[in-house]
């Protein structure tokens, strides 16, 4: 293999497309959020009756969120609720879960956490039960490099602001958090980036588990070199997240147009 001493460069600094295929629609905030639910169901991130995604309106501080009682693959734009930073329902046809306090307290403490995604993806909770975080075993896993944290104490349902505050403190500045005996929390500055990151989490946990089974047969896993991770992460955030999101929006427009109603 040819080696080089040049510092690797990633993201738009390495290459930027001249033009991108359009998605064919200008999404409202509620349409985009409804799309995120449908995307993450298809990507295996949903446990159906559980989980919530919030997006902070930076003008008002209020949060858009899914209602209690609808599965993620049922949510339409018109179903989205609006809650205050104190979790009071301001708009919407239905109620929201008391676990909304997972979100309100993270939004309160983290200006960078404009989006908070929580659910119980299967392969992530397998690793959580083993007390493990996935290693960076594939180039896509570089998206999670330096982002992961593990909260190793399970205290039950987060049903009030005090418990939400305790969890927010335990999470700290991490953007991808595996909760022991519980699930995953992903935060991000935009819905596009956070949705892509959430979709990647369970895939990387599944990969880690499958590789661990192979390693049990006497093989040693090969992780991505540290020098490669930062530029690859930049490329995934600055280029891949947009392509992932746009492709899914076009697919939903073709196959599940009711999402946007």
Protein backbone atom coordinates (compact mmCIF):
# COMPACT_ATOMS: atom_id res chain seq x y z
CA UNK A 1 0.00 0.00 0.00
CA UNK A 2 1.25 3.50 -0.88
CA UNK A 3 1.72 5.72 2.14
CA UNK A 4 1.62 9.51 2.35
CA UNK A 5 2.62 12.05 4.95
CA UNK A 6 -0.08 14.52 3.87
CA UNK A 7 -2.70 15.43 6.47
CA UNK A 8 -6.03 13.87 5.43
CA UNK A 9 -8.75 16.35 4.49
CA UNK A 10 -12.46 15.59 4.54
CA UNK A 11 -15.82 17.25 4.17
CA UNK A 12 -16.46 20.13 1.79
CA UNK A 13 -12.82 21.15 2.09
CA UNK A 14 -11.96 17.99 0.16
CA UNK A 15 -14.83 18.08 -2.32
CA UNK A 16 -18.13 19.86 -2.75
CA UNK A 17 -20.81 18.96 -5.31
CA UNK A 18 -21.63 21.61 -7.89
CA UNK A 19 -25.36 20.86 -7.70
CA UNK A 20 -27.61 18.49 -5.76
CA UNK A 21 -30.75 16.64 -6.89
CA UNK A 22 -33.80 18.44 -5.43
CA UNK A 23 -36.28 16.80 -3.08
CA UNK A 24 -39.25 18.43 -4.80
CA UNK A 25 -40.81 20.12 -1.77
CA UNK A 26 -40.07 22.88 0.74
CA UNK A 27 -40.72 21.23 4.09
CA UNK A 28 -42.39 22.96 7.00
CA UNK A 29 -40.95 22.17 10.46
CA UNK A 30 -43.81 19.75 11.20
CA UNK A 31 -43.43 18.00 7.84
CA UNK A 32 -39.72 17.54 8.41
CA UNK A 33 -40.31 16.15 11.89
CA UNK A 34 -42.98 13.74 10.66
CA UNK A 35 -40.52 12.56 8.01
CA UNK A 36 -37.87 11.92 10.66
CA UNK A 37 -40.20 9.52 12.48
CA UNK A 38 -40.95 7.58 9.30
CA UNK A 39 -37.26 7.42 8.37
CA UNK A 40 -36.13 6.09 11.73
CA UNK A 41 -38.85 3.44 11.83
CA UNK A 42 -37.56 2.11 8.53
CA UNK A 43 -33.99 2.25 9.80
CA UNK A 44 -34.84 0.09 12.84
CA UNK A 45 -34.59 2.80 15.49
CA UNK A 46 -38.17 2.54 16.77
CA UNK A 47 -39.77 0.33 19.42
CA UNK A 48 -43.24 1.35 18.17
CA UNK A 49 -45.07 2.56 21.30
CA UNK A 50 -41.97 4.19 22.78
CA UNK A 51 -39.77 7.11 21.90
CA UNK A 52 -39.96 10.78 21.04
CA UNK A 53 -38.25 13.40 18.93
CA UNK A 54 -38.23 17.08 19.80
CA UNK A 55 -37.12 20.06 17.74
CA UNK A 56 -36.66 23.43 19.41
CA UNK A 57 -38.12 26.52 17.77
CA UNK A 58 -35.30 28.99 18.32
CA UNK A 59 -37.68 31.95 17.98
CA UNK A 60 -40.02 30.90 20.82
CA UNK A 61 -38.12 28.22 22.74
CA UNK A 62 -41.10 25.89 22.34
CA UNK A 63 -40.67 22.29 21.19
CA UNK A 64 -42.30 20.34 18.38
CA UNK A 65 -42.89 16.72 19.45
CA UNK A 66 -44.91 13.62 18.58
CA UNK A 67 -48.13 12.93 20.51
CA UNK A 68 -48.58 10.06 22.92
CA UNK A 69 -50.52 7.17 21.40
CA UNK A 70 -49.31 7.14 17.79
CA UNK A 71 -46.63 4.78 16.53
CA UNK A 72 -43.78 6.50 14.73
CA UNK A 73 -44.85 5.07 11.38
CA UNK A 74 -48.30 6.66 11.83
CA UNK A 75 -47.17 10.20 12.58
CA UNK A 76 -48.19 12.88 10.06
CA UNK A 77 -47.28 16.55 10.02
CA UNK A 78 -50.74 17.48 11.29
CA UNK A 79 -50.27 15.23 14.35
CA UNK A 80 -47.26 17.11 15.71
CA UNK A 81 -47.75 18.86 19.06
CA UNK A 82 -46.13 21.99 20.44
CA UNK A 83 -45.04 22.09 24.08
CA UNK A 84 -43.52 24.85 26.18
CA UNK A 85 -40.04 24.51 27.72
CA UNK A 86 -41.90 23.39 30.87
CA UNK A 87 -43.67 20.60 28.91
CA UNK A 88 -47.11 22.25 28.82
CA UNK A 89 -49.01 21.26 25.67
CA UNK A 90 -49.70 24.46 23.72
CA UNK A 91 -50.89 23.00 20.40
CA UNK A 92 -52.01 19.58 19.25
CA UNK A 93 -54.89 17.13 19.20
CA UNK A 94 -53.45 14.76 21.83
CA UNK A 95 -51.30 14.62 24.91
CA UNK A 96 -47.54 14.01 25.11
CA UNK A 97 -45.65 11.53 27.25
CA UNK A 98 -44.34 12.59 30.69
CA UNK A 99 -40.95 11.36 29.42
CA UNK A 100 -40.87 14.64 27.48
CA UNK A 101 -38.76 15.80 30.43
CA UNK A 102 -35.83 13.83 28.96
CA UNK A 103 -36.00 16.42 26.21
CA UNK A 104 -36.96 19.63 27.99
CA UNK A 105 -34.01 19.41 30.35
CA UNK A 106 -31.49 18.60 27.62
CA UNK A 107 -32.76 21.48 25.51
CA UNK A 108 -32.54 23.74 28.55
CA UNK A 109 -28.88 22.88 29.23
CA UNK A 110 -27.56 22.38 25.72
CA UNK A 111 -27.81 25.18 23.16
CA UNK A 112 -26.26 22.79 20.63
CA UNK A 113 -29.06 20.27 21.19
CA UNK A 114 -31.69 21.82 18.94
CA UNK A 115 -32.91 18.27 18.19
CA UNK A 116 -33.25 15.45 20.71
CA UNK A 117 -34.10 11.90 19.56
CA UNK A 118 -34.87 9.06 21.95
CA UNK A 119 -35.96 5.46 21.45
CA UNK A 120 -34.89 1.86 22.11
CA UNK A 121 -33.18 0.47 18.98
CA UNK A 122 -32.60 -3.25 19.43
CA UNK A 123 -28.90 -3.67 18.72
CA UNK A 124 -28.00 -0.63 20.79
CA UNK A 125 -29.80 -2.05 23.80
CA UNK A 126 -28.02 -5.38 23.27
CA UNK A 127 -24.70 -3.58 23.68
CA UNK A 128 -26.14 -1.52 26.54
CA UNK A 129 -27.03 -4.74 28.36
CA UNK A 130 -23.39 -5.78 27.95
CA UNK A 131 -22.19 -2.40 29.21
CA UNK A 132 -20.51 -1.66 25.88
CA UNK A 133 -20.24 1.09 23.31
CA UNK A 134 -19.56 0.28 19.64
CA UNK A 135 -16.01 0.68 18.39
CA UNK A 136 -15.31 2.52 15.13
CA UNK A 137 -15.15 -0.50 12.83
CA UNK A 138 -16.33 1.00 9.55
CA UNK A 139 -15.96 4.36 7.83
CA UNK A 140 -19.58 5.30 8.57
CA UNK A 141 -18.91 4.73 12.26
CA UNK A 142 -16.51 7.69 12.13
CA UNK A 143 -19.62 9.85 12.45
CA UNK A 144 -19.83 8.70 16.08
CA UNK A 145 -16.15 9.19 16.89
CA UNK A 146 -15.83 11.31 20.03
CA UNK A 147 -19.62 11.54 20.33
CA UNK A 148 -20.44 8.45 22.41
CA UNK A 149 -21.13 8.17 26.12
CA UNK A 150 -22.61 5.48 28.37
CA UNK A 151 -24.93 6.16 31.31
CA UNK A 152 -24.59 3.03 33.39
CA UNK A 153 -27.40 3.53 35.92
CA UNK A 154 -31.03 2.75 35.12
CA UNK A 155 -33.52 4.48 37.42
CA UNK A 156 -36.80 3.76 35.64
CA UNK A 157 -39.16 6.05 33.77
CA UNK A 158 -38.09 9.68 33.48
CA UNK A 159 -41.48 11.16 34.32
CA UNK A 160 -40.75 14.59 35.79
CA UNK A 161 -38.42 17.55 35.41
CA UNK A 162 -36.20 16.57 38.37
CA UNK A 163 -35.45 13.15 36.87
CA UNK A 164 -34.93 14.72 33.46
CA UNK A 165 -32.48 17.15 35.01
CA UNK A 166 -30.54 14.33 36.66
CA UNK A 167 -30.28 12.52 33.34
CA UNK A 168 -29.20 15.67 31.51
CA UNK A 169 -26.40 16.13 34.02
CA UNK A 170 -25.29 12.51 33.56
CA UNK A 171 -25.29 12.96 29.76
CA UNK A 172 -23.15 16.09 29.87
CA UNK A 173 -21.93 17.22 26.44
CA UNK A 174 -22.25 13.87 24.64
CA UNK A 175 -24.37 13.79 21.49
CA UNK A 176 -24.90 10.00 21.31
CA UNK A 177 -25.73 8.41 24.64
CA UNK A 178 -26.42 4.75 25.34
CA UNK A 179 -28.55 4.30 28.46
CA UNK A 180 -28.09 1.09 30.45
CA UNK A 181 -31.21 -1.13 30.33
CA UNK A 182 -33.05 1.58 28.43
CA UNK A 183 -32.15 2.97 25.01
CA UNK A 184 -30.39 5.73 23.12
CA UNK A 185 -30.46 9.53 23.08
CA UNK A 186 -29.11 11.44 20.07
CA UNK A 187 -28.79 15.21 19.94
CA UNK A 188 -27.88 17.46 17.05
CA UNK A 189 -27.98 21.00 15.67
CA UNK A 190 -30.36 20.08 12.83
CA UNK A 191 -33.02 17.47 12.18
CA UNK A 192 -31.18 16.24 9.08
CA UNK A 193 -27.92 15.61 10.94
CA UNK A 194 -29.55 14.15 14.07
CA UNK A 195 -31.74 11.79 12.02
CA UNK A 196 -28.75 10.54 10.05
CA UNK A 197 -26.74 10.05 13.24
CA UNK A 198 -29.61 8.14 14.89
CA UNK A 199 -29.95 5.88 11.85
CA UNK A 200 -26.21 5.19 11.96
CA UNK A 201 -26.17 4.34 15.69
CA UNK A 202 -28.09 1.09 15.57
CA UNK A 203 -26.37 -0.03 12.37
CA UNK A 204 -22.98 0.46 14.02
CA UNK A 205 -24.15 -1.35 17.17
CA UNK A 206 -25.34 -4.25 15.04
CA UNK A 207 -22.01 -4.29 13.23
CA UNK A 208 -20.13 -4.24 16.54
CA UNK A 209 -22.15 -7.15 17.86
CA UNK A 210 -21.69 -9.22 14.70
CA UNK A 211 -17.95 -8.49 14.69
CA UNK A 212 -17.78 -9.43 18.36
CA UNK A 213 -19.26 -12.82 17.46
CA UNK A 214 -16.58 -13.21 14.81
CA UNK A 215 -13.89 -12.19 17.26
CA UNK A 216 -15.21 -14.91 19.54
CA UNK A 217 -14.13 -17.36 16.85
CA UNK A 218 -10.52 -16.27 17.33
CA UNK A 219 -10.43 -13.21 15.10
CA UNK A 220 -9.40 -9.71 16.16
CA UNK A 221 -11.49 -6.73 15.06
CA UNK A 222 -9.73 -4.05 13.04
CA UNK A 223 -10.77 -0.54 14.02
CA UNK A 224 -10.52 2.56 11.84
CA UNK A 225 -7.23 4.40 12.39
CA UNK A 226 -7.47 7.54 14.53
CA UNK A 227 -5.86 9.66 11.80
CA UNK A 228 -8.62 8.71 9.38
CA UNK A 229 -11.60 9.36 11.62
CA UNK A 230 -11.70 13.17 11.73
CA UNK A 231 -11.69 13.81 7.97
CA UNK A 232 -14.13 10.96 7.38
CA UNK A 233 -16.43 12.35 10.07
CA UNK A 234 -16.35 15.75 8.36
CA UNK A 235 -17.35 14.17 5.05
CA UNK A 236 -20.24 12.31 6.67
CA UNK A 237 -21.58 15.40 8.43
CA UNK A 238 -21.02 17.90 5.64
CA UNK A 239 -21.99 15.74 2.66
CA UNK A 240 -23.49 12.35 3.52
CA UNK A 241 -26.15 13.59 5.96
CA UNK A 242 -27.74 15.74 3.27
CA UNK A 243 -27.78 12.94 0.70
CA UNK A 244 -29.27 10.52 3.26
CA UNK A 245 -32.00 12.98 4.22
CA UNK A 246 -32.86 14.08 0.67
CA UNK A 247 -33.08 10.52 -0.62
CA UNK A 248 -35.41 9.56 2.19
CA UNK A 249 -37.66 12.58 1.59
CA UNK A 250 -37.99 11.66 -2.09
CA UNK A 251 -38.81 8.06 -1.09
CA UNK A 252 -41.46 9.18 1.39
CA UNK A 253 -43.01 11.48 -1.20
CA UNK A 254 -43.31 8.48 -3.53
CA UNK A 255 -44.34 5.81 -1.05
CA UNK A 256 -45.87 7.55 2.00
CA UNK A 257 -47.10 10.97 0.85
CA UNK A 258 -49.55 11.11 3.77
CA UNK A 259 -46.52 11.81 5.99
CA UNK A 260 -46.65 15.44 4.88
CA UNK A 261 -50.40 16.00 5.35
